[in-house]
Amino acid sequence: MTKDTPRPRGRQLPTAEELRIWRDFIETTDVLRSRIASRLQSDSALSPGDYAVLLALSEAQERRLRSSELATHIGWERSRLSHHLGRMERRGLIRRQECATDPRGAEILLTPTGAEAFQRSTVPHLRAIRELFVDALTPDQLLAAGEIAAALGAHLGRRREE
């Protein structure tokens, strides 16, 4: 087995070194996510959840998605999304309306207030990603991080929609 070959599957437990790498990976990504979330909140008063919803809606045709499509797109359970959308709606960032093609469903619309909040938050958010993630890595490490994320995503059956 070479260093580029995945370990064989089986009932073998992780080695001490593999566990150390796992803990370093998890603890570091937790700190990174926390710092990026703090920066997003302080720069724009948006949570990472708000940003994920606003990003999905800003990229959607006519800036609207069915709530079930939105939940799938951002990888959330529908109940979690429903509660979060209620908070966003009270702040005027989104609006829910009955779906024209299915009266049991709802469409989520990006409001002008939500579009403006998203637009204002994007440059500071991208700057934080650059400062806290991209700038910490060499170009080769950044490529390796992408390969690692893709391998884990494929292994876990995660499909990214680009």
N, C-alpha and C. Protein backbone atom coordinates (compact mmCIF):
# COMPACT_ATOMS: atom_id res chain seq x y z
N MET A 1 0.85 -1.17 0.00
CA MET A 1 0.00 0.00 0.00
C MET A 1 0.90 1.24 0.00
N THR A 2 0.66 2.15 -0.99
CA THR A 2 1.44 3.39 -1.06
C THR A 2 0.75 4.46 -0.22
N LYS A 3 1.44 5.57 -0.07
CA LYS A 3 0.88 6.65 0.73
C LYS A 3 -0.35 7.26 0.05
N ASP A 4 -0.49 7.09 -1.27
CA ASP A 4 -1.64 7.63 -1.99
C ASP A 4 -2.81 6.65 -2.09
N THR A 5 -2.62 5.42 -1.62
CA THR A 5 -3.66 4.41 -1.69
C THR A 5 -4.48 4.42 -0.41
N PRO A 6 -5.82 4.47 -0.54
CA PRO A 6 -6.64 4.42 0.68
C PRO A 6 -6.40 3.12 1.43
N ARG A 7 -6.56 3.17 2.75
CA ARG A 7 -6.40 1.98 3.58
C ARG A 7 -7.48 0.98 3.24
N PRO A 8 -7.16 -0.31 3.34
CA PRO A 8 -8.18 -1.33 3.08
C PRO A 8 -9.29 -1.24 4.14
N ARG A 9 -10.49 -1.55 3.70
CA ARG A 9 -11.62 -1.53 4.63
C ARG A 9 -11.57 -2.76 5.51
N GLY A 10 -12.10 -2.63 6.68
CA GLY A 10 -12.15 -3.78 7.58
C GLY A 10 -12.53 -3.33 8.97
N ARG A 11 -12.34 -4.20 9.89
CA ARG A 11 -12.72 -3.91 11.27
C ARG A 11 -11.56 -3.35 12.08
N GLN A 12 -10.48 -3.06 11.42
CA GLN A 12 -9.30 -2.56 12.11
C GLN A 12 -9.59 -1.16 12.67
N LEU A 13 -9.18 -0.93 13.90
CA LEU A 13 -9.37 0.37 14.53
C LEU A 13 -8.27 1.33 14.07
N PRO A 14 -8.54 2.64 14.15
CA PRO A 14 -7.50 3.60 13.76
C PRO A 14 -6.27 3.47 14.67
N THR A 15 -5.12 3.73 14.08
CA THR A 15 -3.88 3.73 14.87
C THR A 15 -3.82 5.00 15.71
N ALA A 16 -2.88 5.06 16.62
CA ALA A 16 -2.70 6.25 17.44
C ALA A 16 -2.39 7.47 16.56
N GLU A 17 -1.56 7.28 15.55
CA GLU A 17 -1.23 8.38 14.62
C GLU A 17 -2.46 8.82 13.83
N GLU A 18 -3.27 7.88 13.37
CA GLU A 18 -4.49 8.23 12.64
C GLU A 18 -5.47 8.97 13.53
N LEU A 19 -5.56 8.57 14.78
CA LEU A 19 -6.43 9.27 15.72
C LEU A 19 -5.92 10.68 16.01
N ARG A 20 -4.61 10.85 16.11
CA ARG A 20 -4.03 12.17 16.32
C ARG A 20 -4.36 13.08 15.14
N ILE A 21 -4.21 12.57 13.92
CA ILE A 21 -4.52 13.34 12.72
C ILE A 21 -6.01 13.69 12.69
N TRP A 22 -6.86 12.73 13.02
CA TRP A 22 -8.30 12.95 13.07
C TRP A 22 -8.64 14.07 14.04
N ARG A 23 -8.10 14.00 15.25
CA ARG A 23 -8.39 15.03 16.26
C ARG A 23 -7.87 16.39 15.82
N ASP A 24 -6.67 16.44 15.27
CA ASP A 24 -6.13 17.71 14.77
C ASP A 24 -7.04 18.29 13.69
N PHE A 25 -7.49 17.42 12.79
CA PHE A 25 -8.37 17.85 11.69
C PHE A 25 -9.68 18.42 12.24
N ILE A 26 -10.34 17.67 13.12
CA ILE A 26 -11.63 18.09 13.67
C ILE A 26 -11.49 19.36 14.51
N GLU A 27 -10.51 19.38 15.40
CA GLU A 27 -10.35 20.54 16.28
C GLU A 27 -10.00 21.79 15.48
N THR A 28 -9.16 21.65 14.47
CA THR A 28 -8.78 22.80 13.65
C THR A 28 -9.95 23.30 12.81
N THR A 29 -10.71 22.38 12.21
CA THR A 29 -11.86 22.83 11.42
C THR A 29 -12.93 23.46 12.30
N ASP A 30 -13.07 22.97 13.54
CA ASP A 30 -14.02 23.61 14.47
C ASP A 30 -13.60 25.05 14.77
N VAL A 31 -12.31 25.26 15.04
CA VAL A 31 -11.81 26.62 15.31
C VAL A 31 -11.99 27.50 14.07
N LEU A 32 -11.65 26.97 12.91
CA LEU A 32 -11.78 27.72 11.66
C LEU A 32 -13.23 28.13 11.43
N ARG A 33 -14.15 27.19 11.54
CA ARG A 33 -15.58 27.51 11.35
C ARG A 33 -16.05 28.54 12.36
N SER A 34 -15.62 28.42 13.60
CA SER A 34 -16.02 29.36 14.64
C SER A 34 -15.52 30.77 14.34
N ARG A 35 -14.28 30.87 13.92
CA ARG A 35 -13.71 32.20 13.63
C ARG A 35 -14.36 32.83 12.40
N ILE A 36 -14.61 32.02 11.39
CA ILE A 36 -15.27 32.56 10.19
C ILE A 36 -16.70 32.98 10.55
N ALA A 37 -17.39 32.19 11.36
CA ALA A 37 -18.75 32.55 11.79
C ALA A 37 -18.75 33.84 12.60
N SER A 38 -17.77 33.99 13.50
CA SER A 38 -17.67 35.21 14.31
C SER A 38 -17.44 36.43 13.43
N ARG A 39 -16.56 36.28 12.46
CA ARG A 39 -16.28 37.40 11.55
C ARG A 39 -17.52 37.75 10.73
N LEU A 40 -18.22 36.74 10.23
CA LEU A 40 -19.42 36.98 9.45
C LEU A 40 -20.45 37.72 10.30
N GLN A 41 -20.65 37.26 11.53
CA GLN A 41 -21.61 37.88 12.43
C GLN A 41 -21.22 39.32 12.75
N SER A 42 -19.96 39.55 13.07
CA SER A 42 -19.54 40.91 13.43
C SER A 42 -19.50 41.85 12.23
N ASP A 43 -19.15 41.32 11.05
CA ASP A 43 -19.07 42.16 9.86
C ASP A 43 -20.44 42.47 9.25
N SER A 44 -21.40 41.53 9.40
CA SER A 44 -22.64 41.69 8.65
C SER A 44 -23.92 41.40 9.43
N ALA A 45 -23.80 40.94 10.66
CA ALA A 45 -24.95 40.54 11.48
C ALA A 45 -25.70 39.35 10.88
N LEU A 46 -25.00 38.57 10.04
CA LEU A 46 -25.58 37.34 9.49
C LEU A 46 -24.90 36.14 10.12
N SER A 47 -25.68 35.09 10.36
CA SER A 47 -25.10 33.84 10.82
C SER A 47 -24.67 33.03 9.60
N PRO A 48 -23.85 32.00 9.80
CA PRO A 48 -23.51 31.14 8.66
C PRO A 48 -24.76 30.52 8.03
N GLY A 49 -25.77 30.21 8.83
CA GLY A 49 -27.02 29.67 8.29
C GLY A 49 -27.73 30.69 7.42
N ASP A 50 -27.78 31.94 7.90
CA ASP A 50 -28.37 33.02 7.09
C ASP A 50 -27.65 33.11 5.75
N TYR A 51 -26.32 33.11 5.82
CA TYR A 51 -25.52 33.26 4.61
C TYR A 51 -25.77 32.10 3.64
N ALA A 52 -25.85 30.89 4.15
CA ALA A 52 -26.10 29.72 3.30
C ALA A 52 -27.44 29.85 2.58
N VAL A 53 -28.48 30.27 3.30
CA VAL A 53 -29.80 30.44 2.71
C VAL A 53 -29.76 31.56 1.67
N LEU A 54 -29.18 32.70 2.04
CA LEU A 54 -29.14 33.83 1.11
C LEU A 54 -28.31 33.51 -0.13
N LEU A 55 -27.22 32.78 0.03
CA LEU A 55 -26.40 32.38 -1.12
C LEU A 55 -27.21 31.49 -2.06
N ALA A 56 -27.89 30.49 -1.51
CA ALA A 56 -28.68 29.58 -2.35
C ALA A 56 -29.77 30.34 -3.09
N LEU A 57 -30.45 31.24 -2.40
CA LEU A 57 -31.52 32.00 -3.05
C LEU A 57 -30.97 32.98 -4.08
N SER A 58 -29.82 33.57 -3.80
CA SER A 58 -29.24 34.54 -4.76
C SER A 58 -28.81 33.85 -6.04
N GLU A 59 -28.49 32.56 -5.97
CA GLU A 59 -28.06 31.80 -7.14
C GLU A 59 -29.23 31.12 -7.86
N ALA A 60 -30.38 31.09 -7.22
CA ALA A 60 -31.54 30.39 -7.78
C ALA A 60 -32.22 31.22 -8.86
N GLN A 61 -32.87 30.53 -9.77
CA GLN A 61 -33.63 31.19 -10.81
C GLN A 61 -34.73 32.03 -10.16
N GLU A 62 -34.84 33.26 -10.55
CA GLU A 62 -35.81 34.21 -10.01
C GLU A 62 -35.66 34.43 -8.50
N ARG A 63 -34.50 34.05 -7.97
CA ARG A 63 -34.20 34.24 -6.54
C ARG A 63 -35.25 33.61 -5.63
N ARG A 64 -35.67 32.41 -6.02
CA ARG A 64 -36.67 31.68 -5.24
C ARG A 64 -36.43 30.19 -5.37
N LEU A 65 -36.75 29.47 -4.29
CA LEU A 65 -36.66 28.01 -4.27
C LEU A 65 -37.80 27.47 -3.43
N ARG A 66 -38.25 26.27 -3.77
CA ARG A 66 -39.18 25.58 -2.88
C ARG A 66 -38.43 25.26 -1.61
N SER A 67 -39.11 25.24 -0.49
CA SER A 67 -38.41 25.01 0.78
C SER A 67 -37.74 23.65 0.80
N SER A 68 -38.36 22.64 0.19
CA SER A 68 -37.74 21.31 0.17
C SER A 68 -36.45 21.32 -0.66
N GLU A 69 -36.45 22.06 -1.76
CA GLU A 69 -35.24 22.17 -2.60
C GLU A 69 -34.14 22.93 -1.85
N LEU A 70 -34.54 23.97 -1.14
CA LEU A 70 -33.58 24.75 -0.36
C LEU A 70 -32.95 23.88 0.73
N ALA A 71 -33.76 23.11 1.42
CA ALA A 71 -33.24 22.22 2.47
C ALA A 71 -32.22 21.24 1.90
N THR A 72 -32.55 20.65 0.77
CA THR A 72 -31.63 19.71 0.13
C THR A 72 -30.36 20.42 -0.32
N HIS A 73 -30.52 21.59 -0.90
CA HIS A 73 -29.38 22.34 -1.44
C HIS A 73 -28.36 22.68 -0.35
N ILE A 74 -28.85 23.10 0.81
CA ILE A 74 -27.90 23.49 1.87
C ILE A 74 -27.63 22.37 2.86
N GLY A 75 -28.27 21.21 2.67
CA GLY A 75 -27.98 20.04 3.50
C GLY A 75 -28.57 20.10 4.88
N TRP A 76 -29.73 20.71 5.02
CA TRP A 76 -30.39 20.81 6.32
C TRP A 76 -31.66 19.96 6.33
N GLU A 77 -32.06 19.56 7.53
CA GLU A 77 -33.35 18.92 7.70
C GLU A 77 -34.43 19.99 7.54
N ARG A 78 -35.58 19.57 7.05
CA ARG A 78 -36.64 20.54 6.78
C ARG A 78 -37.12 21.27 8.03
N SER A 79 -37.18 20.57 9.16
CA SER A 79 -37.64 21.24 10.39
C SER A 79 -36.65 22.32 10.83
N ARG A 80 -35.37 22.03 10.73
CA ARG A 80 -34.35 23.03 11.09
C ARG A 80 -34.49 24.24 10.17
N LEU A 81 -34.65 23.99 8.88
CA LEU A 81 -34.77 25.08 7.92
C LEU A 81 -36.02 25.91 8.22
N SER A 82 -37.13 25.25 8.51
CA SER A 82 -38.37 25.96 8.78
C SER A 82 -38.23 26.94 9.93
N HIS A 83 -37.61 26.52 11.02
CA HIS A 83 -37.40 27.41 12.16
C HIS A 83 -36.47 28.56 11.79
N HIS A 84 -35.44 28.25 11.05
CA HIS A 84 -34.47 29.29 10.66
C HIS A 84 -35.14 30.30 9.72
N LEU A 85 -35.94 29.80 8.78
CA LEU A 85 -36.62 30.70 7.85
C LEU A 85 -37.57 31.63 8.59
N GLY A 86 -38.20 31.14 9.64
CA GLY A 86 -39.08 32.00 10.44
C GLY A 86 -38.32 33.19 11.01
N ARG A 87 -37.13 32.93 11.52
CA ARG A 87 -36.32 34.01 12.07
C ARG A 87 -35.88 34.98 10.96
N MET A 88 -35.49 34.43 9.82
CA MET A 88 -35.06 35.28 8.70
C MET A 88 -36.23 36.10 8.15
N GLU A 89 -37.41 35.50 8.13
CA GLU A 89 -38.59 36.22 7.63
C GLU A 89 -38.93 37.39 8.55
N ARG A 90 -38.83 37.19 9.86
CA ARG A 90 -39.11 38.28 10.82
C ARG A 90 -38.13 39.43 10.63
N ARG A 91 -36.92 39.13 10.14
CA ARG A 91 -35.92 40.19 9.91
C ARG A 91 -36.03 40.78 8.50
N GLY A 92 -36.97 40.27 7.70
CA GLY A 92 -37.20 40.81 6.37
C GLY A 92 -36.23 40.33 5.31
N LEU A 93 -35.45 39.27 5.60
CA LEU A 93 -34.44 38.80 4.65
C LEU A 93 -35.03 37.90 3.56
N ILE A 94 -36.09 37.19 3.92
CA ILE A 94 -36.76 36.29 2.96
C ILE A 94 -38.26 36.45 3.15
N ARG A 95 -38.99 35.91 2.19
CA ARG A 95 -40.45 35.87 2.29
C ARG A 95 -40.90 34.50 1.85
N ARG A 96 -41.87 33.94 2.55
CA ARG A 96 -42.46 32.66 2.16
C ARG A 96 -43.79 32.93 1.48
N GLN A 97 -44.04 32.17 0.43
CA GLN A 97 -45.35 32.26 -0.21
C GLN A 97 -45.78 30.88 -0.67
N GLU A 98 -47.06 30.72 -0.82
CA GLU A 98 -47.60 29.44 -1.27
C GLU A 98 -47.07 29.14 -2.66
N CYS A 99 -46.74 27.89 -2.87
CA CYS A 99 -46.22 27.45 -4.16
C CYS A 99 -47.36 27.41 -5.17
N ALA A 100 -47.16 28.01 -6.33
CA ALA A 100 -48.20 28.07 -7.35
C ALA A 100 -48.55 26.69 -7.90
N THR A 101 -47.57 25.79 -7.95
CA THR A 101 -47.80 24.47 -8.54
C THR A 101 -48.21 23.41 -7.51
N ASP A 102 -48.04 23.70 -6.22
CA ASP A 102 -48.39 22.74 -5.18
C ASP A 102 -48.80 23.50 -3.92
N PRO A 103 -50.10 23.61 -3.66
CA PRO A 103 -50.56 24.40 -2.51
C PRO A 103 -50.07 23.89 -1.16
N ARG A 104 -49.56 22.65 -1.11
CA ARG A 104 -49.03 22.13 0.16
C ARG A 104 -47.61 22.63 0.40
N GLY A 105 -46.94 23.10 -0.65
CA GLY A 105 -45.55 23.53 -0.53
C GLY A 105 -45.43 25.03 -0.44
N ALA A 106 -44.26 25.46 -0.06
CA ALA A 106 -43.97 26.90 0.03
C ALA A 106 -42.73 27.21 -0.79
N GLU A 107 -42.73 28.39 -1.34
CA GLU A 107 -41.55 28.90 -2.01
C GLU A 107 -40.92 29.96 -1.12
N ILE A 108 -39.59 29.97 -1.13
CA ILE A 108 -38.85 30.95 -0.34
C ILE A 108 -38.28 31.96 -1.32
N LEU A 109 -38.55 33.22 -1.09
CA LEU A 109 -38.11 34.29 -1.97
C LEU A 109 -37.10 35.18 -1.26
N LEU A 110 -36.08 35.56 -1.96
CA LEU A 110 -35.10 36.51 -1.46
C LEU A 110 -35.70 37.90 -1.58
N THR A 111 -35.79 38.62 -0.49
CA THR A 111 -36.34 39.98 -0.52
C THR A 111 -35.24 40.97 -0.90
N PRO A 112 -35.60 42.18 -1.29
CA PRO A 112 -34.57 43.20 -1.54
C PRO A 112 -33.69 43.44 -0.31
N THR A 113 -34.28 43.39 0.88
CA THR A 113 -33.49 43.55 2.11
C THR A 113 -32.50 42.40 2.25
N GLY A 114 -32.95 41.18 1.96
CA GLY A 114 -32.06 40.01 2.03
C GLY A 114 -30.96 40.08 1.00
N ALA A 115 -31.31 40.51 -0.22
CA ALA A 115 -30.31 40.63 -1.29
C ALA A 115 -29.25 41.66 -0.92
N GLU A 116 -29.69 42.76 -0.33
CA GLU A 116 -28.75 43.80 0.08
C GLU A 116 -27.85 43.31 1.22
N ALA A 117 -28.43 42.62 2.20
CA ALA A 117 -27.63 42.08 3.31
C ALA A 117 -26.60 41.08 2.80
N PHE A 118 -27.03 40.23 1.86
CA PHE A 118 -26.11 39.25 1.28
C PHE A 118 -24.98 39.96 0.53
N GLN A 119 -25.34 40.93 -0.28
CA GLN A 119 -24.34 41.66 -1.06
C GLN A 119 -23.33 42.36 -0.15
N ARG A 120 -23.81 43.00 0.91
CA ARG A 120 -22.92 43.70 1.85
C ARG A 120 -22.00 42.72 2.58
N SER A 121 -22.47 41.51 2.82
CA SER A 121 -21.69 40.55 3.60
C SER A 121 -20.65 39.80 2.78
N THR A 122 -20.82 39.74 1.49
CA THR A 122 -20.00 38.85 0.66
C THR A 122 -18.52 39.21 0.67
N VAL A 123 -18.15 40.45 0.43
CA VAL A 123 -16.72 40.80 0.38
C VAL A 123 -16.05 40.58 1.73
N PRO A 124 -16.63 41.06 2.85
CA PRO A 124 -15.98 40.76 4.14
C PRO A 124 -15.89 39.27 4.43
N HIS A 125 -16.90 38.51 4.04
CA HIS A 125 -16.89 37.06 4.28
C HIS A 125 -15.79 36.40 3.45
N LEU A 126 -15.70 36.76 2.20
CA LEU A 126 -14.66 36.19 1.35
C LEU A 126 -13.26 36.61 1.82
N ARG A 127 -13.15 37.83 2.32
CA ARG A 127 -11.87 38.29 2.88
C ARG A 127 -11.47 37.44 4.09
N ALA A 128 -12.44 37.12 4.95
CA ALA A 128 -12.15 36.27 6.12
C ALA A 128 -11.73 34.88 5.68
N ILE A 129 -12.38 34.33 4.66
CA ILE A 129 -11.99 33.01 4.14
C ILE A 129 -10.55 33.05 3.63
N ARG A 130 -10.22 34.11 2.91
CA ARG A 130 -8.85 34.25 2.40
C ARG A 130 -7.87 34.33 3.56
N GLU A 131 -8.13 35.20 4.53
CA GLU A 131 -7.20 35.43 5.64
C GLU A 131 -7.03 34.21 6.54
N LEU A 132 -8.15 33.55 6.85
CA LEU A 132 -8.11 32.47 7.84
C LEU A 132 -7.85 31.10 7.25
N PHE A 133 -8.12 30.91 5.96
CA PHE A 133 -7.96 29.60 5.35
C PHE A 133 -6.95 29.63 4.21
N VAL A 134 -7.24 30.35 3.16
CA VAL A 134 -6.40 30.32 1.96
C VAL A 134 -4.98 30.76 2.26
N ASP A 135 -4.82 31.89 2.95
CA ASP A 135 -3.47 32.43 3.21
C ASP A 135 -2.64 31.56 4.15
N ALA A 136 -3.28 30.66 4.89
CA ALA A 136 -2.55 29.78 5.81
C ALA A 136 -1.89 28.61 5.09
N LEU A 137 -2.26 28.40 3.83
CA LEU A 137 -1.80 27.22 3.09
C LEU A 137 -0.96 27.62 1.88
N THR A 138 -0.03 26.75 1.54
CA THR A 138 0.70 26.92 0.28
C THR A 138 -0.25 26.51 -0.85
N PRO A 139 0.07 26.88 -2.09
CA PRO A 139 -0.78 26.42 -3.21
C PRO A 139 -0.92 24.90 -3.26
N ASP A 140 0.17 24.18 -3.00
CA ASP A 140 0.10 22.71 -2.99
C ASP A 140 -0.79 22.20 -1.86
N GLN A 141 -0.70 22.82 -0.69
CA GLN A 141 -1.55 22.40 0.43
C GLN A 141 -3.02 22.70 0.14
N LEU A 142 -3.28 23.82 -0.51
CA LEU A 142 -4.65 24.16 -0.86
C LEU A 142 -5.23 23.13 -1.83
N LEU A 143 -4.44 22.74 -2.82
CA LEU A 143 -4.88 21.69 -3.75
C LEU A 143 -5.13 20.38 -3.00
N ALA A 144 -4.22 20.04 -2.09
CA ALA A 144 -4.37 18.81 -1.30
C ALA A 144 -5.64 18.88 -0.44
N ALA A 145 -5.92 20.04 0.13
CA ALA A 145 -7.13 20.20 0.94
C ALA A 145 -8.37 19.96 0.08
N GLY A 146 -8.34 20.46 -1.15
CA GLY A 146 -9.45 20.22 -2.07
C GLY A 146 -9.60 18.75 -2.41
N GLU A 147 -8.48 18.09 -2.61
CA GLU A 147 -8.52 16.65 -2.91
C GLU A 147 -9.04 15.86 -1.72
N ILE A 148 -8.63 16.25 -0.53
CA ILE A 148 -9.10 15.57 0.68
C ILE A 148 -10.60 15.77 0.85
N ALA A 149 -11.07 17.00 0.67
CA ALA A 149 -12.50 17.28 0.78
C ALA A 149 -13.29 16.48 -0.25
N ALA A 150 -12.78 16.40 -1.48
CA ALA A 150 -13.47 15.64 -2.53
C ALA A 150 -13.49 14.15 -2.20
N ALA A 151 -12.38 13.62 -1.71
CA ALA A 151 -12.33 12.19 -1.36
C ALA A 151 -13.29 11.87 -0.22
N LEU A 152 -13.31 12.72 0.79
CA LEU A 152 -14.24 12.50 1.91
C LEU A 152 -15.68 12.63 1.44
N GLY A 153 -15.95 13.64 0.62
CA GLY A 153 -17.31 13.82 0.09
C GLY A 153 -17.76 12.62 -0.71
N ALA A 154 -16.88 12.10 -1.56
CA ALA A 154 -17.22 10.93 -2.38
C ALA A 154 -17.45 9.71 -1.48
N HIS A 155 -16.59 9.54 -0.48
CA HIS A 155 -16.71 8.40 0.43
C HIS A 155 -18.02 8.45 1.22
N LEU A 156 -18.42 9.66 1.59
CA LEU A 156 -19.64 9.83 2.39
C LEU A 156 -20.89 9.93 1.53
N GLY A 157 -20.71 9.89 0.21
CA GLY A 157 -21.85 9.94 -0.68
C GLY A 157 -22.44 11.31 -0.85
N ARG A 158 -21.68 12.32 -0.51
CA ARG A 158 -22.15 13.69 -0.65
C ARG A 158 -21.99 14.12 -2.09
N ARG A 159 -23.03 14.68 -2.62
CA ARG A 159 -23.00 15.16 -3.99
C ARG A 159 -23.11 16.69 -3.96
N ARG A 160 -22.14 17.34 -4.55
CA ARG A 160 -22.18 18.80 -4.63
C ARG A 160 -22.80 19.22 -5.93
N GLU A 161 -23.69 20.18 -5.86
CA GLU A 161 -24.28 20.73 -7.07
C GLU A 161 -23.56 22.02 -7.38
N GLU A 162 -22.94 22.05 -8.52
CA GLU A 162 -22.18 23.24 -8.92
C GLU A 162 -22.95 24.03 -9.94
